[in-house]
PDB file of N, CA and C in Angstrom:
ATOM      1  N   MET A   1       0.840  -1.181   0.000  1.00  0.00           N
ATOM      2  CA  MET A   1       0.000   0.000   0.000  1.00  0.00           C
ATOM      3  C   MET A   1       0.889   1.250   0.000  1.00  0.00           C
ATOM      4  N   ILE A   2       0.445   2.299  -0.645  1.00  0.00           N
ATOM      5  CA  ILE A   2       1.204   3.544  -0.761  1.00  0.00           C
ATOM      6  C   ILE A   2       1.140   4.302   0.562  1.00  0.00           C
ATOM      7  N   PRO A   3       2.290   4.795   1.066  1.00  0.00           N
ATOM      8  CA  PRO A   3       2.277   5.594   2.302  1.00  0.00           C
ATOM      9  C   PRO A   3       1.411   6.848   2.125  1.00  0.00           C
ATOM     10  N   GLU A   4       0.769   7.270   3.207  1.00  0.00           N
ATOM     11  CA  GLU A   4      -0.174   8.394   3.179  1.00  0.00           C
ATOM     12  C   GLU A   4       0.454   9.672   2.613  1.00  0.00           C
ATOM     13  N   LYS A   5       1.686   9.971   3.003  1.00  0.00           N
ATOM     14  CA  LYS A   5       2.364  11.186   2.544  1.00  0.00           C
ATOM     15  C   LYS A   5       2.596  11.140   1.028  1.00  0.00           C
ATOM     16  N   GLN A   6       3.020   9.985   0.534  1.00  0.00           N
ATOM     17  CA  GLN A   6       3.267   9.836  -0.897  1.00  0.00           C
ATOM     18  C   GLN A   6       1.952   9.905  -1.676  1.00  0.00           C
ATOM     19  N   MET A   7       0.884   9.318  -1.112  1.00  0.00           N
ATOM     20  CA  MET A   7      -0.416   9.380  -1.769  1.00  0.00           C
ATOM     21  C   MET A   7      -0.880  10.828  -1.875  1.00  0.00           C
ATOM     22  N   GLY A   8      -0.694  11.598  -0.804  1.00  0.00           N
ATOM     23  CA  GLY A   8      -1.080  13.008  -0.826  1.00  0.00           C
ATOM     24  C   GLY A   8      -0.352  13.782  -1.907  1.00  0.00           C
ATOM     25  N   LYS A   9       0.919  13.486  -2.085  1.00  0.00           N
ATOM     26  CA  LYS A   9       1.704  14.163  -3.126  1.00  0.00           C
ATOM     27  C   LYS A   9       1.189  13.795  -4.515  1.00  0.00           C
ATOM     28  N   LEU A  10       0.884  12.525  -4.725  1.00  0.00           N
ATOM     29  CA  LEU A  10       0.368  12.074  -6.023  1.00  0.00           C
ATOM     30  C   LEU A  10      -0.998  12.703  -6.324  1.00  0.00           C
ATOM     31  N   ILE A  11      -1.840  12.784  -5.309  1.00  0.00           N
ATOM     32  CA  ILE A  11      -3.164  13.390  -5.499  1.00  0.00           C
ATOM     33  C   ILE A  11      -3.024  14.879  -5.802  1.00  0.00           C
ATOM     34  N   SER A  12      -2.108  15.557  -5.121  1.00  0.00           N
ATOM     35  CA  SER A  12      -1.871  16.982  -5.401  1.00  0.00           C
ATOM     36  C   SER A  12      -1.408  17.198  -6.835  1.00  0.00           C
ATOM     37  N   GLU A  13      -0.533  16.336  -7.312  1.00  0.00           N
ATOM     38  CA  GLU A  13      -0.060  16.434  -8.695  1.00  0.00           C
ATOM     39  C   GLU A  13      -1.209  16.195  -9.670  1.00  0.00           C
ATOM     40  N   LEU A  14      -2.069  15.227  -9.369  1.00  0.00           N
ATOM     41  CA  LEU A  14      -3.234  14.959 -10.213  1.00  0.00           C
ATOM     42  C   LEU A  14      -4.149  16.173 -10.251  1.00  0.00           C
ATOM     43  N   TYR A  15      -4.421  16.762  -9.094  1.00  0.00           N
ATOM     44  CA  TYR A  15      -5.274  17.946  -9.022  1.00  0.00           C
ATOM     45  C   TYR A  15      -4.669  19.095  -9.829  1.00  0.00           C
ATOM     46  N   PHE A  16      -3.383  19.332  -9.654  1.00  0.00           N
ATOM     47  CA  PHE A  16      -2.715  20.413 -10.374  1.00  0.00           C
ATOM     48  C   PHE A  16      -2.831  20.210 -11.882  1.00  0.00           C
ATOM     49  N   ASN A  17      -2.616  18.977 -12.345  1.00  0.00           N
ATOM     50  CA  ASN A  17      -2.718  18.682 -13.777  1.00  0.00           C
ATOM     51  C   ASN A  17      -4.134  18.894 -14.288  1.00  0.00           C
ATOM     52  N   MET A  18      -5.119  18.502 -13.490  1.00  0.00           N
ATOM     53  CA  MET A  18      -6.513  18.701 -13.902  1.00  0.00           C
ATOM     54  C   MET A  18      -6.846  20.181 -13.990  1.00  0.00           C
ATOM     55  N   ILE A  19      -6.377  20.955 -13.034  1.00  0.00           N
ATOM     56  CA  ILE A  19      -6.639  22.394 -13.036  1.00  0.00           C
ATOM     57  C   ILE A  19      -6.010  23.045 -14.258  1.00  0.00           C
ATOM     58  N   GLN A  20      -4.794  22.632 -14.587  1.00  0.00           N
ATOM     59  CA  GLN A  20      -4.105  23.202 -15.750  1.00  0.00           C
ATOM     60  C   GLN A  20      -4.891  22.950 -17.030  1.00  0.00           C
ATOM     61  N   GLU A  21      -5.499  21.787 -17.145  1.00  0.00           N
ATOM     62  CA  GLU A  21      -6.261  21.435 -18.343  1.00  0.00           C
ATOM     63  C   GLU A  21      -7.632  22.098 -18.370  1.00  0.00           C
ATOM     64  N   ASP A  22      -8.309  22.135 -17.205  1.00  0.00           N
ATOM     65  CA  ASP A  22      -9.702  22.563 -17.162  1.00  0.00           C
ATOM     66  C   ASP A  22      -9.923  24.054 -16.967  1.00  0.00           C
ATOM     67  N   PHE A  23      -9.035  24.718 -16.281  1.00  0.00           N
ATOM     68  CA  PHE A  23      -9.257  26.116 -15.935  1.00  0.00           C
ATOM     69  C   PHE A  23      -8.054  26.946 -16.348  1.00  0.00           C
ATOM     70  N   SER A  24      -8.084  27.443 -17.569  1.00  0.00           N
ATOM     71  CA  SER A  24      -6.942  28.199 -18.059  1.00  0.00           C
ATOM     72  C   SER A  24      -6.827  29.567 -17.389  1.00  0.00           C
ATOM     73  N   GLU A  25      -7.945  30.189 -16.996  1.00  0.00           N
ATOM     74  CA  GLU A  25      -7.867  31.538 -16.436  1.00  0.00           C
ATOM     75  C   GLU A  25      -7.633  31.562 -14.939  1.00  0.00           C
ATOM     76  N   ASN A  26      -8.115  30.552 -14.212  1.00  0.00           N
ATOM     77  CA  ASN A  26      -8.026  30.595 -12.761  1.00  0.00           C
ATOM     78  C   ASN A  26      -8.241  29.204 -12.195  1.00  0.00           C
ATOM     79  N   ALA A  27      -7.625  28.942 -11.050  1.00  0.00           N
ATOM     80  CA  ALA A  27      -7.763  27.632 -10.419  1.00  0.00           C
ATOM     81  C   ALA A  27      -9.112  27.468  -9.732  1.00  0.00           C
ATOM     82  N   VAL A  28      -9.820  28.547  -9.495  1.00  0.00           N
ATOM     83  CA  VAL A  28     -11.110  28.488  -8.835  1.00  0.00           C
ATOM     84  C   VAL A  28     -12.200  28.294  -9.895  1.00  0.00           C
ATOM     85  N   SER A  29     -13.131  27.377  -9.637  1.00  0.00           N
ATOM     86  CA  SER A  29     -14.192  27.101 -10.594  1.00  0.00           C
ATOM     87  C   SER A  29     -15.038  28.350 -10.845  1.00  0.00           C
ATOM     88  N   LYS A  30     -15.722  28.363 -11.981  1.00  0.00           N
ATOM     89  CA  LYS A  30     -16.532  29.530 -12.341  1.00  0.00           C
ATOM     90  C   LYS A  30     -17.645  29.779 -11.332  1.00  0.00           C
ATOM     91  N   LYS A  31     -18.276  28.704 -10.854  1.00  0.00           N
ATOM     92  CA  LYS A  31     -19.349  28.867  -9.873  1.00  0.00           C
ATOM     93  C   LYS A  31     -18.798  29.481  -8.592  1.00  0.00           C
ATOM     94  N   MET A  32     -17.660  28.991  -8.133  1.00  0.00           N
ATOM     95  CA  MET A  32     -17.040  29.526  -6.926  1.00  0.00           C
ATOM     96  C   MET A  32     -16.677  30.997  -7.131  1.00  0.00           C
ATOM     97  N   LYS A  33     -16.169  31.322  -8.299  1.00  0.00           N
ATOM     98  CA  LYS A  33     -15.796  32.704  -8.599  1.00  0.00           C
ATOM     99  C   LYS A  33     -17.016  33.617  -8.499  1.00  0.00           C
ATOM    100  N   GLN A  34     -18.136  33.183  -9.057  1.00  0.00           N
ATOM    101  CA  GLN A  34     -19.364  33.986  -8.993  1.00  0.00           C
ATOM    102  C   GLN A  34     -19.833  34.168  -7.555  1.00  0.00           C
ATOM    103  N   GLU A  35     -19.752  33.099  -6.757  1.00  0.00           N
ATOM    104  CA  GLU A  35     -20.178  33.178  -5.360  1.00  0.00           C
ATOM    105  C   GLU A  35     -19.303  34.140  -4.564  1.00  0.00           C
ATOM    106  N   ILE A  36     -17.996  34.083  -4.784  1.00  0.00           N
ATOM    107  CA  ILE A  36     -17.078  34.986  -4.078  1.00  0.00           C
ATOM    108  C   ILE A  36     -17.367  36.435  -4.440  1.00  0.00           C
ATOM    109  N   LEU A  37     -17.525  36.711  -5.722  1.00  0.00           N
ATOM    110  CA  LEU A  37     -17.791  38.081  -6.158  1.00  0.00           C
ATOM    111  C   LEU A  37     -19.126  38.579  -5.613  1.00  0.00           C
ATOM    112  N   GLU A  38     -20.113  37.690  -5.527  1.00  0.00           N
ATOM    113  CA  GLU A  38     -21.414  38.070  -4.965  1.00  0.00           C
ATOM    114  C   GLU A  38     -21.282  38.403  -3.477  1.00  0.00           C
ATOM    115  N   LEU A  39     -20.514  37.578  -2.748  1.00  0.00           N
ATOM    116  CA  LEU A  39     -20.300  37.834  -1.319  1.00  0.00           C
ATOM    117  C   LEU A  39     -19.553  39.141  -1.077  1.00  0.00           C
ATOM    118  N   LEU A  40     -18.683  39.505  -1.987  1.00  0.00           N
ATOM    119  CA  LEU A  40     -17.865  40.712  -1.826  1.00  0.00           C
ATOM    120  C   LEU A  40     -18.475  41.955  -2.470  1.00  0.00           C
ATOM    121  N   LYS A  41     -19.670  41.816  -3.035  1.00  0.00           N
ATOM    122  CA  LYS A  41     -20.290  42.932  -3.753  1.00  0.00           C
ATOM    123  C   LYS A  41     -20.429  44.177  -2.874  1.00  0.00           C
ATOM    124  N   GLU A  42     -20.915  44.019  -1.664  1.00  0.00           N
ATOM    125  CA  GLU A  42     -21.079  45.161  -0.767  1.00  0.00           C
ATOM    126  C   GLU A  42     -19.727  45.766  -0.399  1.00  0.00           C
ATOM    127  N   ALA A  43     -18.740  44.910  -0.160  1.00  0.00           N
ATOM    128  CA  ALA A  43     -17.406  45.406   0.172  1.00  0.00           C
ATOM    129  C   ALA A  43     -16.822  46.204  -0.993  1.00  0.00           C
ATOM    130  N   GLU A  44     -17.082  45.750  -2.204  1.00  0.00           N
ATOM    131  CA  GLU A  44     -16.564  46.447  -3.382  1.00  0.00           C
ATOM    132  C   GLU A  44     -17.114  47.866  -3.446  1.00  0.00           C
ATOM    133  N   GLU A  45     -18.376  48.025  -3.068  1.00  0.00           N
ATOM    134  CA  GLU A  45     -19.009  49.341  -3.133  1.00  0.00           C
ATOM    135  C   GLU A  45     -18.525  50.279  -2.021  1.00  0.00           C
ATOM    136  N   ASN A  46     -18.067  49.686  -0.902  1.00  0.00           N
ATOM    137  CA  ASN A  46     -17.722  50.503   0.268  1.00  0.00           C
ATOM    138  C   ASN A  46     -16.231  50.653   0.529  1.00  0.00           C
ATOM    139  N   MET A  47     -15.385  49.984  -0.236  1.00  0.00           N
ATOM    140  CA  MET A  47     -13.938  50.041   0.000  1.00  0.00           C
ATOM    141  C   MET A  47     -13.235  50.756  -1.139  1.00  0.00           C
ATOM    142  N   GLU A  48     -12.043  51.242  -0.816  1.00  0.00           N
ATOM    143  CA  GLU A  48     -11.190  51.771  -1.874  1.00  0.00           C
ATOM    144  C   GLU A  48     -10.818  50.617  -2.801  1.00  0.00           C
ATOM    145  N   ARG A  49     -10.603  50.921  -4.044  1.00  0.00           N
ATOM    146  CA  ARG A  49     -10.358  49.892  -5.057  1.00  0.00           C
ATOM    147  C   ARG A  49      -9.189  48.972  -4.695  1.00  0.00           C
ATOM    148  N   GLN A  50      -8.063  49.533  -4.288  1.00  0.00           N
ATOM    149  CA  GLN A  50      -6.886  48.720  -3.978  1.00  0.00           C
ATOM    150  C   GLN A  50      -7.123  47.812  -2.771  1.00  0.00           C
ATOM    151  N   VAL A  51      -7.821  48.323  -1.761  1.00  0.00           N
ATOM    152  CA  VAL A  51      -8.116  47.514  -0.579  1.00  0.00           C
ATOM    153  C   VAL A  51      -9.057  46.376  -0.954  1.00  0.00           C
ATOM    154  N   TYR A  52     -10.094  46.702  -1.731  1.00  0.00           N
ATOM    155  CA  TYR A  52     -11.034  45.669  -2.181  1.00  0.00           C
ATOM    156  C   TYR A  52     -10.311  44.581  -2.972  1.00  0.00           C
ATOM    157  N   GLU A  53      -9.454  44.981  -3.907  1.00  0.00           N
ATOM    158  CA  GLU A  53      -8.741  44.006  -4.728  1.00  0.00           C
ATOM    159  C   GLU A  53      -7.855  43.099  -3.885  1.00  0.00           C
ATOM    160  N   LYS A  54      -7.266  43.646  -2.835  1.00  0.00           N
ATOM    161  CA  LYS A  54      -6.442  42.845  -1.927  1.00  0.00           C
ATOM    162  C   LYS A  54      -7.303  41.780  -1.247  1.00  0.00           C
ATOM    163  N   TYR A  55      -8.450  42.166  -0.697  1.00  0.00           N
ATOM    164  CA  TYR A  55      -9.344  41.213  -0.045  1.00  0.00           C
ATOM    165  C   TYR A  55      -9.913  40.202  -1.036  1.00  0.00           C
ATOM    166  N   ARG A  56     -10.248  40.663  -2.225  1.00  0.00           N
ATOM    167  CA  ARG A  56     -10.774  39.767  -3.253  1.00  0.00           C
ATOM    168  C   ARG A  56      -9.744  38.701  -3.619  1.00  0.00           C
ATOM    169  N   ASP A  57      -8.495  39.128  -3.790  1.00  0.00           N
ATOM    170  CA  ASP A  57      -7.434  38.177  -4.136  1.00  0.00           C
ATOM    171  C   ASP A  57      -7.204  37.157  -3.028  1.00  0.00           C
ATOM    172  N   VAL A  58      -7.271  37.609  -1.782  1.00  0.00           N
ATOM    173  CA  VAL A  58      -7.123  36.688  -0.650  1.00  0.00           C
ATOM    174  C   VAL A  58      -8.276  35.683  -0.648  1.00  0.00           C
ATOM    175  N   ALA A  59      -9.482  36.165  -0.898  1.00  0.00           N
ATOM    176  CA  ALA A  59     -10.650  35.269  -0.932  1.00  0.00           C
ATOM    177  C   ALA A  59     -10.484  34.208  -2.015  1.00  0.00           C
ATOM    178  N   PHE A  60      -9.978  34.583  -3.167  1.00  0.00           N
ATOM    179  CA  PHE A  60      -9.760  33.614  -4.245  1.00  0.00           C
ATOM    180  C   PHE A  60      -8.679  32.598  -3.881  1.00  0.00           C
ATOM    181  N   ARG A  61      -7.624  33.049  -3.222  1.00  0.00           N
ATOM    182  CA  ARG A  61      -6.571  32.102  -2.809  1.00  0.00           C
ATOM    183  C   ARG A  61      -7.094  31.112  -1.774  1.00  0.00           C
ATOM    184  N   VAL A  62      -7.893  31.610  -0.831  1.00  0.00           N
ATOM    185  CA  VAL A  62      -8.476  30.730   0.185  1.00  0.00           C
ATOM    186  C   VAL A  62      -9.413  29.720  -0.475  1.00  0.00           C
ATOM    187  N   ALA A  63     -10.252  30.182  -1.384  1.00  0.00           N
ATOM    188  CA  ALA A  63     -11.186  29.286  -2.065  1.00  0.00           C
ATOM    189  C   ALA A  63     -10.437  28.242  -2.884  1.00  0.00           C
ATOM    190  N   SER A  64      -9.382  28.651  -3.540  1.00  0.00           N
ATOM    191  CA  SER A  64      -8.588  27.721  -4.341  1.00  0.00           C
ATOM    192  C   SER A  64      -7.940  26.656  -3.456  1.00  0.00           C
ATOM    193  N   ALA A  65      -7.394  27.075  -2.322  1.00  0.00           N
ATOM    194  CA  ALA A  65      -6.776  26.120  -1.396  1.00  0.00           C
ATOM    195  C   ALA A  65      -7.827  25.166  -0.835  1.00  0.00           C
ATOM    196  N   ALA A  66      -9.009  25.680  -0.513  1.00  0.00           N
ATOM    197  CA  ALA A  66     -10.082  24.834   0.015  1.00  0.00           C
ATOM    198  C   ALA A  66     -10.556  23.838  -1.037  1.00  0.00           C
ATOM    199  N   GLU A  67     -10.651  24.295  -2.271  1.00  0.00           N
ATOM    200  CA  GLU A  67     -11.070  23.407  -3.355  1.00  0.00           C
ATOM    201  C   GLU A  67     -10.053  22.272  -3.547  1.00  0.00           C
ATOM    202  N   GLU A  68      -8.790  22.605  -3.515  1.00  0.00           N
ATOM    203  CA  GLU A  68      -7.741  21.586  -3.652  1.00  0.00           C
ATOM    204  C   GLU A  68      -7.774  20.608  -2.483  1.00  0.00           C
ATOM    205  N   SER A  69      -7.917  21.135  -1.288  1.00  0.00           N
ATOM    206  CA  SER A  69      -7.967  20.277  -0.107  1.00  0.00           C
ATOM    207  C   SER A  69      -9.172  19.340  -0.161  1.00  0.00           C
ATOM    208  N   GLY A  70     -10.310  19.865  -0.574  1.00  0.00           N
ATOM    209  CA  GLY A  70     -11.510  19.042  -0.708  1.00  0.00           C
ATOM    210  C   GLY A  70     -11.330  17.941  -1.734  1.00  0.00           C
ATOM    211  N   PHE A  71     -10.674  18.265  -2.837  1.00  0.00           N
ATOM    212  CA  PHE A  71     -10.398  17.261  -3.863  1.00  0.00           C
ATOM    213  C   PHE A  71      -9.517  16.154  -3.296  1.00  0.00           C
ATOM    214  N   GLU A  72      -8.456  16.542  -2.603  1.00  0.00           N
ATOM    215  CA  GLU A  72      -7.522  15.564  -2.036  1.00  0.00           C
ATOM    216  C   GLU A  72      -8.216  14.660  -1.022  1.00  0.00           C
ATOM    217  N   ARG A  73      -8.975  15.249  -0.112  1.00  0.00           N
ATOM    218  CA  ARG A  73      -9.658  14.450   0.904  1.00  0.00           C
ATOM    219  C   ARG A  73     -10.696  13.536   0.276  1.00  0.00           C
ATOM    220  N   GLY A  74     -11.457  14.046  -0.666  1.00  0.00           N
ATOM    221  CA  GLY A  74     -12.456  13.230  -1.345  1.00  0.00           C
ATOM    222  C   GLY A  74     -11.822  12.069  -2.092  1.00  0.00           C
ATOM    223  N   PHE A  75     -10.706  12.323  -2.728  1.00  0.00           N
ATOM    224  CA  PHE A  75      -9.996  11.278  -3.457  1.00  0.00           C
ATOM    225  C   PHE A  75      -9.500  10.204  -2.495  1.00  0.00           C
ATOM    226  N   GLN A  76      -8.954  10.628  -1.364  1.00  0.00           N
ATOM    227  CA  GLN A  76      -8.465   9.666  -0.373  1.00  0.00           C
ATOM    228  C   GLN A  76      -9.610   8.827   0.195  1.00  0.00           C
ATOM    229  N   TYR A  77     -10.733   9.470   0.498  1.00  0.00           N
ATOM    230  CA  TYR A  77     -11.878   8.716   1.006  1.00  0.00           C
ATOM    231  C   TYR A  77     -12.364   7.712  -0.032  1.00  0.00           C
ATOM    232  N   ALA A  78     -12.435   8.133  -1.277  1.00  0.00           N
ATOM    233  CA  ALA A  78     -12.880   7.237  -2.344  1.00  0.00           C
ATOM    234  C   ALA A  78     -11.916   6.063  -2.497  1.00  0.00           C
ATOM    235  N   PHE A  79     -10.629   6.329  -2.399  1.00  0.00           N
ATOM    236  CA  PHE A  79      -9.633   5.262  -2.518  1.00  0.00           C
ATOM    237  C   PHE A  79      -9.777   4.257  -1.384  1.00  0.00           C
ATOM    238  N   HIS A  80      -9.945   4.772  -0.162  1.00  0.00           N
ATOM    239  CA  HIS A  80     -10.096   3.867   0.985  1.00  0.00           C
ATOM    240  C   HIS A  80     -11.396   3.061   0.876  1.00  0.00           C
ATOM    241  N   LEU A  81     -12.460   3.684   0.433  1.00  0.00           N
ATOM    242  CA  LEU A  81     -13.722   2.977   0.235  1.00  0.00           C
ATOM    243  C   LEU A  81     -13.566   1.894  -0.822  1.00  0.00           C
ATOM    244  N   PHE A  82     -12.876   2.223  -1.899  1.00  0.00           N
ATOM    245  CA  PHE A  82     -12.630   1.260  -2.968  1.00  0.00           C
ATOM    246  C   PHE A  82     -11.850   0.061  -2.455  1.00  0.00           C
ATOM    247  N   THR A  83     -10.796   0.309  -1.677  1.00  0.00           N
ATOM    248  CA  THR A  83      -9.996  -0.811  -1.162  1.00  0.00           C
ATOM    249  C   THR A  83     -10.815  -1.677  -0.211  1.00  0.00           C
ATOM    250  N   GLU A  84     -11.684  -1.064   0.595  1.00  0.00           N
ATOM    251  CA  GLU A  84     -12.555  -1.851   1.482  1.00  0.00           C
ATOM    252  C   GLU A  84     -13.527  -2.690   0.683  1.00  0.00           C
ATOM    253  N   CYS A  85     -14.071  -2.148  -0.389  1.00  0.00           N
ATOM    254  CA  CYS A  85     -15.019  -2.903  -1.215  1.00  0.00           C
ATOM    255  C   CYS A  85     -14.323  -4.082  -1.899  1.00  0.00           C
ATOM    256  N   ILE A  86     -13.106  -3.888  -2.331  1.00  0.00           N
ATOM    257  CA  ILE A  86     -12.376  -4.968  -3.000  1.00  0.00           C
ATOM    258  C   ILE A  86     -12.040  -6.078  -2.013  1.00  0.00           C
ATOM    259  N   GLN A  87     -11.722  -5.713  -0.780  1.00  0.00           N
ATOM    260  CA  GLN A  87     -11.412  -6.726   0.219  1.00  0.00           C
ATOM    261  C   GLN A  87     -12.619  -7.602   0.531  1.00  0.00           C
ATOM    262  N   ASP A  88     -13.815  -7.051   0.401  1.00  0.00           N
ATOM    263  CA  ASP A  88     -15.032  -7.809   0.677  1.00  0.00           C
ATOM    264  C   ASP A  88     -15.381  -8.796  -0.433  1.00  0.00           C
ATOM    265  N   LEU A  89     -14.758  -8.663  -1.594  1.00  0.00           N
ATOM    266  CA  LEU A  89     -15.087  -9.549  -2.714  1.00  0.00           C
ATOM    267  C   LEU A  89     -14.538 -10.919  -2.541  1.00  0.00           C
TER     268      LEU A  89
END
């Protein structure tokens, strides 16, 4: 069986490759991008442009990291479930 640390690295590489192929403009999905911009709409109207852009960029980085982490965890859970199902055969 692959050690957990090595599996995490392989899953991260898979995620990175998928993002490169699927999202040429940004690592955050289009739906997530729309949700972030909607949440920040009021802030955009009330903040100076440079301050707003700083917060917006941070929000996108956080969302991107969360999306990657969710992908990795979901992949690991699916792999463990798959191995349990195969053992039952």
